[in-house]
Amino acid sequence: MSARFRRIGVVGAGAWGTALANAAARAGREVVLWGRDRAAMEAMARTRRNEPHLPGVELAAAVAPSTALHALSECDAVLLVVPAQASRQAAATIAPQLKDGTPVVTCAKGIERGTSLFMTQVLAEACPRAVPGILSGPSFAADVAAGLPTAVTLAAQDFGLAEALCTALGSPSFRLYHSDDVRGVEIGGAAKNVLAIAAGIVGGRELGASAAAALIARGFAELSRFGRAYGARPETLTGLSGLGDLILTCSSPQSRNYALGLSLGSTNQFPPSGKLAEGAFTASVLVAMAERAGIDMPIASAVEAVLSGRDDIEQAIGSLLARPQKAEG
């Protein structure tokens, strides 16, 4: 075992946090899984399950559920697994517990509303003594928790640190690719959530497989334009955290963003589950950033118009179909 990253902290005990805790344990790490809800964490420690977030999945023996913030002080690296819009508060909460230079890897896919900051930028402000990183890619919590084959990308500005973290967290069933294109990885995760809502609307309206394929292809063109304008590398955008994640979340109701669009498309209503869909919060800031940079993102703009109530779904679809013919690009 690598002594450098012997103990991993996971902040956030939802489905994704629990899945990543199991993945880290499978890689031979000791894991502190931290959550705020004392009753839930005590139940998790007692039953070794996280119901109802991950039904039927047993916690690995090396995962220690905890509500004690000081338990994070001995961690060699921390995965911050909370929603994008809650990341600043969570990072500020754990900041006093961390040793200087502790890597903190955000696992959220979004852009902060109000500031238009990407997740590692939020980390740098809220947890200034930490070293920010980002983990993203095509992955469902249930698959990772169950040990099904999954591949994701972990990026940090220090390429060597990203590589070391990937080595520490990776296993035969959880493969991590390392990168120093932090912005590219962040953009892929944030933009694909908004586009997945559009894909769900296409599915809910039963517009057909051809329309779904066109949506993914044209959505990727939008993601790529946004990525290039904000400094992402082309190979990152076509990789796991860009195109790979877009394909996954645009094709399965397991994606909360796709499920949101599916409900809107079929019933004109938000789904009753109340599960968080990050794209619903990111859409407005993504579109505003695109407009400021002069980037054409008609699909993302249509999603934002529907979510804000300015357009109904028929109007949004009509506006996309009425766009003038143009060369592909």
C-alpha atoms as a PDB file:
ATOM      1  CA  MET A   1       0.000   0.000   0.000  1.00  0.00           C
ATOM      2  CA  SER A   2       1.183   3.514  -0.805  1.00  0.00           C
ATOM      3  CA  ALA A   3       2.091   5.166   2.495  1.00  0.00           C
ATOM      4  CA  ARG A   4       1.428   8.565   0.944  1.00  0.00           C
ATOM      5  CA  PHE A   5      -2.318   7.991   0.631  1.00  0.00           C
ATOM      6  CA  ARG A   6      -2.964   5.330   3.225  1.00  0.00           C
ATOM      7  CA  ARG A   7      -6.100   6.983   4.630  1.00  0.00           C
ATOM      8  CA  ILE A   8      -8.755   8.623   2.466  1.00  0.00           C
ATOM      9  CA  GLY A   9     -11.546  10.856   3.709  1.00  0.00           C
ATOM     10  CA  VAL A  10     -14.860  10.934   1.862  1.00  0.00           C
ATOM     11  CA  VAL A  11     -17.048  13.917   2.732  1.00  0.00           C
ATOM     12  CA  GLY A  12     -20.664  13.251   1.835  1.00  0.00           C
ATOM     13  CA  ALA A  13     -22.429   9.995   2.599  1.00  0.00           C
ATOM     14  CA  GLY A  14     -24.959   9.897  -0.209  1.00  0.00           C
ATOM     15  CA  ALA A  15     -24.969   7.261  -2.925  1.00  0.00           C
ATOM     16  CA  TRP A  16     -21.918   8.593  -4.780  1.00  0.00           C
ATOM     17  CA  GLY A  17     -19.902   9.227  -1.623  1.00  0.00           C
ATOM     18  CA  THR A  18     -20.625   5.729  -0.354  1.00  0.00           C
ATOM     19  CA  ALA A  19     -19.754   4.217  -3.729  1.00  0.00           C
ATOM     20  CA  LEU A  20     -16.418   6.046  -3.830  1.00  0.00           C
ATOM     21  CA  ALA A  21     -15.693   5.023  -0.250  1.00  0.00           C
ATOM     22  CA  ASN A  22     -16.177   1.389  -1.258  1.00  0.00           C
ATOM     23  CA  ALA A  23     -13.992   1.912  -4.328  1.00  0.00           C
ATOM     24  CA  ALA A  24     -11.181   3.404  -2.226  1.00  0.00           C
ATOM     25  CA  ALA A  25     -11.439   0.509   0.225  1.00  0.00           C
ATOM     26  CA  ARG A  26     -11.305  -1.936  -2.673  1.00  0.00           C
ATOM     27  CA  ALA A  27      -8.030  -0.255  -3.666  1.00  0.00           C
ATOM     28  CA  GLY A  28      -6.588  -1.049  -0.229  1.00  0.00           C
ATOM     29  CA  ARG A  29      -7.148   2.297   1.495  1.00  0.00           C
ATOM     30  CA  GLU A  30      -8.486   2.972   4.962  1.00  0.00           C
ATOM     31  CA  VAL A  31     -11.548   5.188   4.512  1.00  0.00           C
ATOM     32  CA  VAL A  32     -13.321   7.687   6.744  1.00  0.00           C
ATOM     33  CA  LEU A  33     -16.831   8.270   5.363  1.00  0.00           C
ATOM     34  CA  TRP A  34     -18.059  11.508   6.905  1.00  0.00           C
ATOM     35  CA  GLY A  35     -21.683  12.641   7.018  1.00  0.00           C
ATOM     36  CA  ARG A  36     -23.637  15.240   8.998  1.00  0.00           C
ATOM     37  CA  ASP A  37     -26.669  13.125   9.930  1.00  0.00           C
ATOM     38  CA  ARG A  38     -25.698  11.399  13.171  1.00  0.00           C
ATOM     39  CA  ALA A  39     -28.598   8.926  13.155  1.00  0.00           C
ATOM     40  CA  ALA A  40     -27.944   7.932   9.552  1.00  0.00           C
ATOM     41  CA  MET A  41     -24.219   7.473  10.116  1.00  0.00           C
ATOM     42  CA  GLU A  42     -24.779   5.431  13.276  1.00  0.00           C
ATOM     43  CA  ALA A  43     -27.223   3.224  11.373  1.00  0.00           C
ATOM     44  CA  MET A  44     -24.670   2.828   8.589  1.00  0.00           C
ATOM     45  CA  ALA A  45     -21.974   1.820  11.063  1.00  0.00           C
ATOM     46  CA  ARG A  46     -24.322  -0.696  12.664  1.00  0.00           C
ATOM     47  CA  THR A  47     -25.902  -2.267   9.565  1.00  0.00           C
ATOM     48  CA  ARG A  48     -22.970  -1.733   7.151  1.00  0.00           C
ATOM     49  CA  ARG A  49     -25.481  -0.498   4.571  1.00  0.00           C
ATOM     50  CA  ASN A  50     -26.581   2.897   3.289  1.00  0.00           C
ATOM     51  CA  GLU A  51     -30.295   2.562   2.872  1.00  0.00           C
ATOM     52  CA  PRO A  52     -32.102   3.888   0.902  1.00  0.00           C
ATOM     53  CA  HIS A  53     -29.309   5.545  -1.079  1.00  0.00           C
ATOM     54  CA  LEU A  54     -27.642   2.294  -2.175  1.00  0.00           C
ATOM     55  CA  PRO A  55     -30.038  -0.570  -1.474  1.00  0.00           C
ATOM     56  CA  GLY A  56     -28.434  -3.964  -1.246  1.00  0.00           C
ATOM     57  CA  VAL A  57     -24.837  -2.680  -1.206  1.00  0.00           C
ATOM     58  CA  GLU A  58     -22.697  -3.584   1.802  1.00  0.00           C
ATOM     59  CA  LEU A  59     -20.040  -1.207   3.092  1.00  0.00           C
ATOM     60  CA  ALA A  60     -16.505  -2.498   2.752  1.00  0.00           C
ATOM     61  CA  ALA A  61     -14.850  -3.458   6.030  1.00  0.00           C
ATOM     62  CA  ALA A  62     -12.247  -0.685   5.677  1.00  0.00           C
ATOM     63  CA  VAL A  63     -14.922   2.057   5.530  1.00  0.00           C
ATOM     64  CA  ALA A  64     -15.568   3.781   8.865  1.00  0.00           C
ATOM     65  CA  PRO A  65     -18.720   5.958   8.922  1.00  0.00           C
ATOM     66  CA  SER A  66     -18.293   9.024  11.133  1.00  0.00           C
ATOM     67  CA  THR A  67     -19.798  12.384  12.066  1.00  0.00           C
ATOM     68  CA  ALA A  68     -16.604  13.558  13.778  1.00  0.00           C
ATOM     69  CA  LEU A  69     -14.875  16.257  11.762  1.00  0.00           C
ATOM     70  CA  HIS A  70     -11.583  15.623  13.545  1.00  0.00           C
ATOM     71  CA  ALA A  71     -11.535  12.169  11.933  1.00  0.00           C
ATOM     72  CA  LEU A  72     -10.581  13.943   8.708  1.00  0.00           C
ATOM     73  CA  SER A  73      -7.456  15.473  10.248  1.00  0.00           C
ATOM     74  CA  GLU A  74      -5.462  12.262   9.791  1.00  0.00           C
ATOM     75  CA  CYS A  75      -6.556  11.720   6.201  1.00  0.00           C
ATOM     76  CA  ASP A  76      -3.921  11.923   3.478  1.00  0.00           C
ATOM     77  CA  ALA A  77      -6.428  13.009   0.824  1.00  0.00           C
ATOM     78  CA  VAL A  78     -10.113  13.898   0.815  1.00  0.00           C
ATOM     79  CA  LEU A  79     -12.843  13.314  -1.746  1.00  0.00           C
ATOM     80  CA  LEU A  80     -15.484  16.042  -1.492  1.00  0.00           C
ATOM     81  CA  VAL A  81     -18.672  14.318  -2.618  1.00  0.00           C
ATOM     82  CA  VAL A  82     -21.432  16.867  -2.101  1.00  0.00           C
ATOM     83  CA  PRO A  83     -23.633  18.724  -4.632  1.00  0.00           C
ATOM     84  CA  ALA A  84     -21.988  21.523  -6.574  1.00  0.00           C
ATOM     85  CA  GLN A  85     -24.002  24.290  -4.954  1.00  0.00           C
ATOM     86  CA  ALA A  86     -23.159  22.949  -1.469  1.00  0.00           C
ATOM     87  CA  SER A  87     -19.450  22.548  -2.146  1.00  0.00           C
ATOM     88  CA  ARG A  88     -18.338  25.929  -0.830  1.00  0.00           C
ATOM     89  CA  GLN A  89     -19.977  25.433   2.563  1.00  0.00           C
ATOM     90  CA  ALA A  90     -18.731  21.849   2.858  1.00  0.00           C
ATOM     91  CA  ALA A  91     -15.178  22.835   1.923  1.00  0.00           C
ATOM     92  CA  ALA A  92     -15.182  25.669   4.447  1.00  0.00           C
ATOM     93  CA  THR A  93     -16.475  23.280   7.115  1.00  0.00           C
ATOM     94  CA  ILE A  94     -13.663  20.771   6.686  1.00  0.00           C
ATOM     95  CA  ALA A  95     -10.886  23.307   5.981  1.00  0.00           C
ATOM     96  CA  PRO A  96      -9.770  23.779   9.627  1.00  0.00           C
ATOM     97  CA  GLN A  97      -9.339  20.011  10.023  1.00  0.00           C
ATOM     98  CA  LEU A  98      -6.931  19.459   7.141  1.00  0.00           C
ATOM     99  CA  LYS A  99      -3.159  19.503   7.137  1.00  0.00           C
ATOM    100  CA  ASP A 100      -1.501  22.029   4.825  1.00  0.00           C
ATOM    101  CA  GLY A 101      -1.227  20.673   1.288  1.00  0.00           C
ATOM    102  CA  THR A 102      -3.854  17.948   1.676  1.00  0.00           C
ATOM    103  CA  PRO A 103      -5.305  17.069  -1.731  1.00  0.00           C
ATOM    104  CA  VAL A 104      -9.066  17.696  -1.812  1.00  0.00           C
ATOM    105  CA  VAL A 105     -10.705  16.203  -4.893  1.00  0.00           C
ATOM    106  CA  THR A 106     -14.157  17.519  -5.713  1.00  0.00           C
ATOM    107  CA  CYS A 107     -16.504  14.968  -7.237  1.00  0.00           C
ATOM    108  CA  ALA A 108     -19.317  17.401  -8.073  1.00  0.00           C
ATOM    109  CA  LYS A 109     -20.309  18.256 -11.649  1.00  0.00           C
ATOM    110  CA  GLY A 110     -21.456  21.837 -11.892  1.00  0.00           C
ATOM    111  CA  ILE A 111     -20.652  25.543 -11.831  1.00  0.00           C
ATOM    112  CA  GLU A 112     -21.360  27.677  -8.773  1.00  0.00           C
ATOM    113  CA  ARG A 113     -24.312  29.984  -9.198  1.00  0.00           C
ATOM    114  CA  GLY A 114     -23.714  33.617  -8.359  1.00  0.00           C
ATOM    115  CA  THR A 115     -19.946  33.440  -8.911  1.00  0.00           C
ATOM    116  CA  SER A 116     -19.659  31.431 -12.169  1.00  0.00           C
ATOM    117  CA  LEU A 117     -16.741  29.588 -10.573  1.00  0.00           C
ATOM    118  CA  PHE A 118     -15.785  26.032 -11.415  1.00  0.00           C
ATOM    119  CA  MET A 119     -15.519  23.552  -8.563  1.00  0.00           C
ATOM    120  CA  THR A 120     -11.747  23.665  -8.071  1.00  0.00           C
ATOM    121  CA  GLN A 121     -11.951  27.464  -7.992  1.00  0.00           C
ATOM    122  CA  VAL A 122     -14.547  27.191  -5.244  1.00  0.00           C
ATOM    123  CA  LEU A 123     -12.239  24.820  -3.371  1.00  0.00           C
ATOM    124  CA  ALA A 124      -9.314  27.221  -3.701  1.00  0.00           C
ATOM    125  CA  GLU A 125     -11.346  29.997  -2.086  1.00  0.00           C
ATOM    126  CA  ALA A 126     -13.091  27.982   0.631  1.00  0.00           C
ATOM    127  CA  CYS A 127     -10.241  25.618   1.513  1.00  0.00           C
ATOM    128  CA  PRO A 128      -7.107  27.621   0.649  1.00  0.00           C
ATOM    129  CA  ARG A 129      -4.574  25.349   2.382  1.00  0.00           C
ATOM    130  CA  ALA A 130      -5.686  22.336   0.344  1.00  0.00           C
ATOM    131  CA  VAL A 131      -4.557  21.272  -3.133  1.00  0.00           C
ATOM    132  CA  PRO A 132      -7.632  21.072  -5.397  1.00  0.00           C
ATOM    133  CA  GLY A 133      -8.425  18.271  -7.817  1.00  0.00           C
ATOM    134  CA  ILE A 134     -11.445  17.016  -9.730  1.00  0.00           C
ATOM    135  CA  LEU A 135     -12.809  13.515 -10.374  1.00  0.00           C
ATOM    136  CA  SER A 136     -15.351  13.061 -13.141  1.00  0.00           C
ATOM    137  CA  GLY A 137     -16.427  10.628 -15.819  1.00  0.00           C
ATOM    138  CA  PRO A 138     -19.119   8.172 -16.903  1.00  0.00           C
ATOM    139  CA  SER A 139     -20.109   6.471 -13.671  1.00  0.00           C
ATOM    140  CA  PHE A 140     -23.250   5.493 -11.814  1.00  0.00           C
ATOM    141  CA  ALA A 141     -22.981   5.078  -8.054  1.00  0.00           C
ATOM    142  CA  ALA A 142     -24.651   1.665  -8.028  1.00  0.00           C
ATOM    143  CA  ASP A 143     -22.162   0.312 -10.590  1.00  0.00           C
ATOM    144  CA  VAL A 144     -19.110   1.611  -8.714  1.00  0.00           C
ATOM    145  CA  ALA A 145     -20.391   0.423  -5.338  1.00  0.00           C
ATOM    146  CA  ALA A 146     -21.030  -3.051  -6.719  1.00  0.00           C
ATOM    147  CA  GLY A 147     -17.548  -3.254  -8.240  1.00  0.00           C
ATOM    148  CA  LEU A 148     -18.715  -3.226 -11.865  1.00  0.00           C
ATOM    149  CA  PRO A 149     -16.063  -2.048 -14.370  1.00  0.00           C
ATOM    150  CA  THR A 150     -15.911   1.757 -14.487  1.00  0.00           C
ATOM    151  CA  ALA A 151     -13.375   4.276 -15.791  1.00  0.00           C
ATOM    152  CA  VAL A 152     -13.142   7.956 -14.803  1.00  0.00           C
ATOM    153  CA  THR A 153     -10.660  10.830 -14.951  1.00  0.00           C
ATOM    154  CA  LEU A 154      -8.913  12.522 -12.017  1.00  0.00           C
ATOM    155  CA  ALA A 155      -7.224  15.846 -12.739  1.00  0.00           C
ATOM    156  CA  ALA A 156      -4.971  18.139 -10.736  1.00  0.00           C
ATOM    157  CA  GLN A 157      -2.652  20.938 -11.799  1.00  0.00           C
ATOM    158  CA  ASP A 158       0.283  18.828 -10.603  1.00  0.00           C
ATOM    159  CA  PHE A 159       0.374  15.919 -13.062  1.00  0.00           C
ATOM    160  CA  GLY A 160       2.416  13.800 -10.655  1.00  0.00           C
ATOM    161  CA  LEU A 161      -0.128  14.293  -7.880  1.00  0.00           C
ATOM    162  CA  ALA A 162      -2.970  13.297 -10.198  1.00  0.00           C
ATOM    163  CA  GLU A 163      -1.063  10.154 -11.162  1.00  0.00           C
ATOM    164  CA  ALA A 164      -0.350   9.268  -7.528  1.00  0.00           C
ATOM    165  CA  LEU A 165      -3.979   9.707  -6.545  1.00  0.00           C
ATOM    166  CA  CYS A 166      -5.116   7.534  -9.430  1.00  0.00           C
ATOM    167  CA  THR A 167      -2.692   4.831  -8.342  1.00  0.00           C
ATOM    168  CA  ALA A 168      -3.944   5.036  -4.754  1.00  0.00           C
ATOM    169  CA  LEU A 169      -7.653   4.920  -5.645  1.00  0.00           C
ATOM    170  CA  GLY A 170      -7.637   2.621  -8.649  1.00  0.00           C
ATOM    171  CA  SER A 171      -8.428  -1.083  -8.754  1.00  0.00           C
ATOM    172  CA  PRO A 172      -9.134  -3.623 -11.512  1.00  0.00           C
ATOM    173  CA  SER A 173     -12.808  -2.617 -11.496  1.00  0.00           C
ATOM    174  CA  PHE A 174     -12.303   1.134 -10.956  1.00  0.00           C
ATOM    175  CA  ARG A 175      -9.836   2.517 -13.461  1.00  0.00           C
ATOM    176  CA  LEU A 176      -8.687   6.125 -13.138  1.00  0.00           C
ATOM    177  CA  TYR A 177      -6.959   8.103 -15.872  1.00  0.00           C
ATOM    178  CA  HIS A 178      -4.869  11.062 -14.708  1.00  0.00           C
ATOM    179  CA  SER A 179      -4.720  14.506 -16.262  1.00  0.00           C
ATOM    180  CA  ASP A 180      -3.582  18.031 -15.546  1.00  0.00           C
ATOM    181  CA  ASP A 181      -6.381  19.561 -17.657  1.00  0.00           C
ATOM    182  CA  VAL A 182      -8.456  20.516 -14.628  1.00  0.00           C
ATOM    183  CA  ARG A 183     -10.676  22.947 -16.506  1.00  0.00           C
ATOM    184  CA  GLY A 184     -11.459  20.500 -19.281  1.00  0.00           C
ATOM    185  CA  VAL A 185     -12.592  17.838 -16.808  1.00  0.00           C
ATOM    186  CA  GLU A 186     -14.736  20.371 -14.945  1.00  0.00           C
ATOM    187  CA  ILE A 187     -16.407  21.671 -18.095  1.00  0.00           C
ATOM    188  CA  GLY A 188     -17.326  18.224 -19.367  1.00  0.00           C
ATOM    189  CA  GLY A 189     -19.037  17.290 -16.126  1.00  0.00           C
ATOM    190  CA  ALA A 190     -20.937  20.555 -15.810  1.00  0.00           C
ATOM    191  CA  ALA A 191     -22.133  20.917 -19.407  1.00  0.00           C
ATOM    192  CA  LYS A 192     -23.181  17.305 -19.947  1.00  0.00           C
ATOM    193  CA  ASN A 193     -25.685  17.502 -17.080  1.00  0.00           C
ATOM    194  CA  VAL A 194     -27.572  20.314 -18.804  1.00  0.00           C
ATOM    195  CA  LEU A 195     -27.516  18.507 -22.141  1.00  0.00           C
ATOM    196  CA  ALA A 196     -28.748  15.289 -20.496  1.00  0.00           C
ATOM    197  CA  ILE A 197     -31.940  17.099 -19.483  1.00  0.00           C
ATOM    198  CA  ALA A 198     -32.532  17.821 -23.167  1.00  0.00           C
ATOM    199  CA  ALA A 199     -31.914  14.162 -24.007  1.00  0.00           C
ATOM    200  CA  GLY A 200     -34.471  13.151 -21.404  1.00  0.00           C
ATOM    201  CA  ILE A 201     -37.026  15.527 -22.918  1.00  0.00           C
ATOM    202  CA  VAL A 202     -36.444  13.885 -26.312  1.00  0.00           C
ATOM    203  CA  GLY A 203     -37.049  10.496 -24.695  1.00  0.00           C
ATOM    204  CA  GLY A 204     -40.128  11.677 -22.829  1.00  0.00           C
ATOM    205  CA  ARG A 205     -41.624  13.137 -26.014  1.00  0.00           C
ATOM    206  CA  GLU A 206     -40.859   9.851 -27.832  1.00  0.00           C
ATOM    207  CA  LEU A 207     -39.130  11.691 -30.656  1.00  0.00           C
ATOM    208  CA  GLY A 208     -37.189   8.584 -31.651  1.00  0.00           C
ATOM    209  CA  ALA A 209     -33.680   7.167 -31.668  1.00  0.00           C
ATOM    210  CA  SER A 210     -32.586   9.346 -34.595  1.00  0.00           C
ATOM    211  CA  ALA A 211     -33.473  12.506 -32.691  1.00  0.00           C
ATOM    212  CA  ALA A 212     -31.692  11.171 -29.589  1.00  0.00           C
ATOM    213  CA  ALA A 213     -28.509  10.522 -31.577  1.00  0.00           C
ATOM    214  CA  ALA A 214     -28.684  13.960 -33.176  1.00  0.00           C
ATOM    215  CA  LEU A 215     -29.168  15.550 -29.748  1.00  0.00           C
ATOM    216  CA  ILE A 216     -26.045  13.867 -28.357  1.00  0.00           C
ATOM    217  CA  ALA A 217     -23.944  14.802 -31.387  1.00  0.00           C
ATOM    218  CA  ARG A 218     -25.084  18.426 -31.506  1.00  0.00           C
ATOM    219  CA  GLY A 219     -24.892  18.631 -27.718  1.00  0.00           C
ATOM    220  CA  PHE A 220     -21.281  17.528 -27.869  1.00  0.00           C
ATOM    221  CA  ALA A 221     -20.614  20.259 -30.426  1.00  0.00           C
ATOM    222  CA  GLU A 222     -21.951  22.784 -27.906  1.00  0.00           C
ATOM    223  CA  LEU A 223     -19.908  21.300 -25.072  1.00  0.00           C
ATOM    224  CA  SER A 224     -16.806  21.443 -27.279  1.00  0.00           C
ATOM    225  CA  ARG A 225     -17.341  25.091 -28.247  1.00  0.00           C
ATOM    226  CA  PHE A 226     -17.774  26.045 -24.606  1.00  0.00           C
ATOM    227  CA  GLY A 227     -14.756  23.988 -23.592  1.00  0.00           C
ATOM    228  CA  ARG A 228     -12.453  25.521 -26.196  1.00  0.00           C
ATOM    229  CA  ALA A 229     -13.514  29.034 -25.209  1.00  0.00           C
ATOM    230  CA  TYR A 230     -12.750  28.362 -21.546  1.00  0.00           C
ATOM    231  CA  GLY A 231      -9.409  26.647 -22.038  1.00  0.00           C
ATOM    232  CA  ALA A 232     -10.170  22.910 -22.214  1.00  0.00           C
ATOM    233  CA  ARG A 233      -8.015  20.613 -24.314  1.00  0.00           C
ATOM    234  CA  PRO A 234      -9.674  18.791 -27.233  1.00  0.00           C
ATOM    235  CA  GLU A 235      -8.479  15.386 -26.033  1.00  0.00           C
ATOM    236  CA  THR A 236     -10.124  15.968 -22.648  1.00  0.00           C
ATOM    237  CA  LEU A 237     -13.429  16.915 -24.252  1.00  0.00           C
ATOM    238  CA  THR A 238     -13.418  13.735 -26.355  1.00  0.00           C
ATOM    239  CA  GLY A 239     -12.372  11.632 -23.359  1.00  0.00           C
ATOM    240  CA  LEU A 240     -14.106  10.043 -20.418  1.00  0.00           C
ATOM    241  CA  SER A 241     -15.065  13.240 -18.606  1.00  0.00           C
ATOM    242  CA  GLY A 242     -16.457  14.858 -21.762  1.00  0.00           C
ATOM    243  CA  LEU A 243     -17.909  12.697 -24.507  1.00  0.00           C
ATOM    244  CA  GLY A 244     -17.909   9.557 -22.358  1.00  0.00           C
ATOM    245  CA  ASP A 245     -19.969  11.100 -19.581  1.00  0.00           C
ATOM    246  CA  LEU A 246     -22.260  12.826 -22.080  1.00  0.00           C
ATOM    247  CA  ILE A 247     -23.104   9.501 -23.745  1.00  0.00           C
ATOM    248  CA  LEU A 248     -23.856   7.833 -20.415  1.00  0.00           C
ATOM    249  CA  THR A 249     -26.042  10.560 -18.971  1.00  0.00           C
ATOM    250  CA  CYS A 250     -27.918  11.154 -22.225  1.00  0.00           C
ATOM    251  CA  SER A 251     -28.954   7.528 -22.562  1.00  0.00           C
ATOM    252  CA  SER A 252     -30.147   6.196 -19.208  1.00  0.00           C
ATOM    253  CA  PRO A 253     -32.887   7.041 -16.695  1.00  0.00           C
ATOM    254  CA  GLN A 254     -30.323   6.164 -14.016  1.00  0.00           C
ATOM    255  CA  SER A 255     -29.025   9.667 -14.701  1.00  0.00           C
ATOM    256  CA  ARG A 256     -30.956  12.118 -12.528  1.00  0.00           C
ATOM    257  CA  ASN A 257     -30.619  14.767 -15.213  1.00  0.00           C
ATOM    258  CA  TYR A 258     -31.976  12.484 -17.920  1.00  0.00           C
ATOM    259  CA  ALA A 259     -34.769  11.402 -15.553  1.00  0.00           C
ATOM    260  CA  LEU A 260     -35.669  15.054 -14.963  1.00  0.00           C
ATOM    261  CA  GLY A 261     -35.928  15.668 -18.700  1.00  0.00           C
ATOM    262  CA  LEU A 262     -37.836  12.418 -19.188  1.00  0.00           C
ATOM    263  CA  SER A 263     -40.458  13.537 -16.671  1.00  0.00           C
ATOM    264  CA  LEU A 264     -40.700  17.010 -18.210  1.00  0.00           C
ATOM    265  CA  GLY A 265     -41.025  15.540 -21.682  1.00  0.00           C
ATOM    266  CA  SER A 266     -43.691  12.993 -20.803  1.00  0.00           C
ATOM    267  CA  THR A 267     -45.746  14.829 -18.160  1.00  0.00           C
ATOM    268  CA  ASN A 268     -44.628  18.487 -18.305  1.00  0.00           C
ATOM    269  CA  GLN A 269     -43.863  18.121 -14.605  1.00  0.00           C
ATOM    270  CA  PHE A 270     -40.770  17.691 -12.489  1.00  0.00           C
ATOM    271  CA  PRO A 271     -40.262  14.129 -11.186  1.00  0.00           C
ATOM    272  CA  PRO A 272     -41.788  13.462  -7.761  1.00  0.00           C
ATOM    273  CA  SER A 273     -38.683  11.845  -6.291  1.00  0.00           C
ATOM    274  CA  GLY A 274     -37.025  15.111  -5.350  1.00  0.00           C
ATOM    275  CA  LYS A 275     -33.599  13.685  -6.251  1.00  0.00           C
ATOM    276  CA  LEU A 276     -31.031  16.342  -7.047  1.00  0.00           C
ATOM    277  CA  ALA A 277     -30.358  16.969 -10.739  1.00  0.00           C
ATOM    278  CA  GLU A 278     -27.237  19.128 -10.923  1.00  0.00           C
ATOM    279  CA  GLY A 279     -28.042  20.317 -14.443  1.00  0.00           C
ATOM    280  CA  ALA A 280     -31.132  22.148 -13.227  1.00  0.00           C
ATOM    281  CA  PHE A 281     -28.901  24.418 -11.131  1.00  0.00           C
ATOM    282  CA  THR A 282     -26.086  24.724 -13.658  1.00  0.00           C
ATOM    283  CA  ALA A 283     -28.187  25.552 -16.740  1.00  0.00           C
ATOM    284  CA  SER A 284     -28.632  29.264 -16.064  1.00  0.00           C
ATOM    285  CA  VAL A 285     -24.980  29.943 -15.218  1.00  0.00           C
ATOM    286  CA  LEU A 286     -23.711  27.800 -18.123  1.00  0.00           C
ATOM    287  CA  VAL A 287     -25.894  29.710 -20.598  1.00  0.00           C
ATOM    288  CA  ALA A 288     -24.927  33.085 -19.103  1.00  0.00           C
ATOM    289  CA  MET A 289     -21.220  32.221 -19.389  1.00  0.00           C
ATOM    290  CA  ALA A 290     -21.744  31.090 -22.992  1.00  0.00           C
ATOM    291  CA  GLU A 291     -23.503  34.331 -23.861  1.00  0.00           C
ATOM    292  CA  ARG A 292     -20.736  36.429 -22.299  1.00  0.00           C
ATOM    293  CA  ALA A 293     -18.146  34.586 -24.384  1.00  0.00           C
ATOM    294  CA  GLY A 294     -20.221  34.698 -27.593  1.00  0.00           C
ATOM    295  CA  ILE A 295     -20.672  30.898 -27.701  1.00  0.00           C
ATOM    296  CA  ASP A 296     -23.687  29.460 -29.528  1.00  0.00           C
ATOM    297  CA  MET A 297     -25.385  26.847 -27.301  1.00  0.00           C
ATOM    298  CA  PRO A 298     -28.972  26.486 -28.587  1.00  0.00           C
ATOM    299  CA  ILE A 299     -29.718  23.173 -26.851  1.00  0.00           C
ATOM    300  CA  ALA A 300     -28.479  24.346 -23.460  1.00  0.00           C
ATOM    301  CA  SER A 301     -30.347  27.635 -23.960  1.00  0.00           C
ATOM    302  CA  ALA A 302     -33.565  25.750 -24.737  1.00  0.00           C
ATOM    303  CA  VAL A 303     -33.169  23.702 -21.552  1.00  0.00           C
ATOM    304  CA  GLU A 304     -32.605  26.862 -19.516  1.00  0.00           C
ATOM    305  CA  ALA A 305     -35.699  28.482 -21.070  1.00  0.00           C
ATOM    306  CA  VAL A 306     -37.848  25.482 -20.119  1.00  0.00           C
ATOM    307  CA  LEU A 307     -36.476  25.285 -16.578  1.00  0.00           C
ATOM    308  CA  SER A 308     -36.995  29.016 -16.031  1.00  0.00           C
ATOM    309  CA  GLY A 309     -40.565  28.865 -17.358  1.00  0.00           C
ATOM    310  CA  ARG A 310     -39.949  31.268 -20.256  1.00  0.00           C
ATOM    311  CA  ASP A 311     -40.767  28.556 -22.819  1.00  0.00           C
ATOM    312  CA  ASP A 312     -42.842  25.436 -22.663  1.00  0.00           C
ATOM    313  CA  ILE A 313     -41.426  22.266 -24.169  1.00  0.00           C
ATOM    314  CA  GLU A 314     -43.229  22.615 -27.482  1.00  0.00           C
ATOM    315  CA  GLN A 315     -41.873  26.142 -27.889  1.00  0.00           C
ATOM    316  CA  ALA A 316     -38.351  24.990 -27.044  1.00  0.00           C
ATOM    317  CA  ILE A 317     -38.489  22.121 -29.539  1.00  0.00           C
ATOM    318  CA  GLY A 318     -39.997  24.392 -32.165  1.00  0.00           C
ATOM    319  CA  SER A 319     -37.254  26.981 -31.722  1.00  0.00           C
ATOM    320  CA  LEU A 320     -34.575  24.337 -32.221  1.00  0.00           C
ATOM    321  CA  LEU A 321     -36.256  22.868 -35.316  1.00  0.00           C
ATOM    322  CA  ALA A 322     -36.720  26.330 -36.788  1.00  0.00           C
ATOM    323  CA  ARG A 323     -33.027  27.217 -36.646  1.00  0.00           C
ATOM    324  CA  PRO A 324     -31.604  28.059 -40.091  1.00  0.00           C
ATOM    325  CA  GLN A 325     -29.690  25.445 -42.060  1.00  0.00           C
ATOM    326  CA  LYS A 326     -25.940  25.715 -41.568  1.00  0.00           C
ATOM    327  CA  ALA A 327     -22.699  23.889 -42.117  1.00  0.00           C
ATOM    328  CA  GLU A 328     -21.871  21.314 -39.476  1.00  0.00           C
ATOM    329  CA  GLY A 329     -19.382  22.458 -36.867  1.00  0.00           C
END
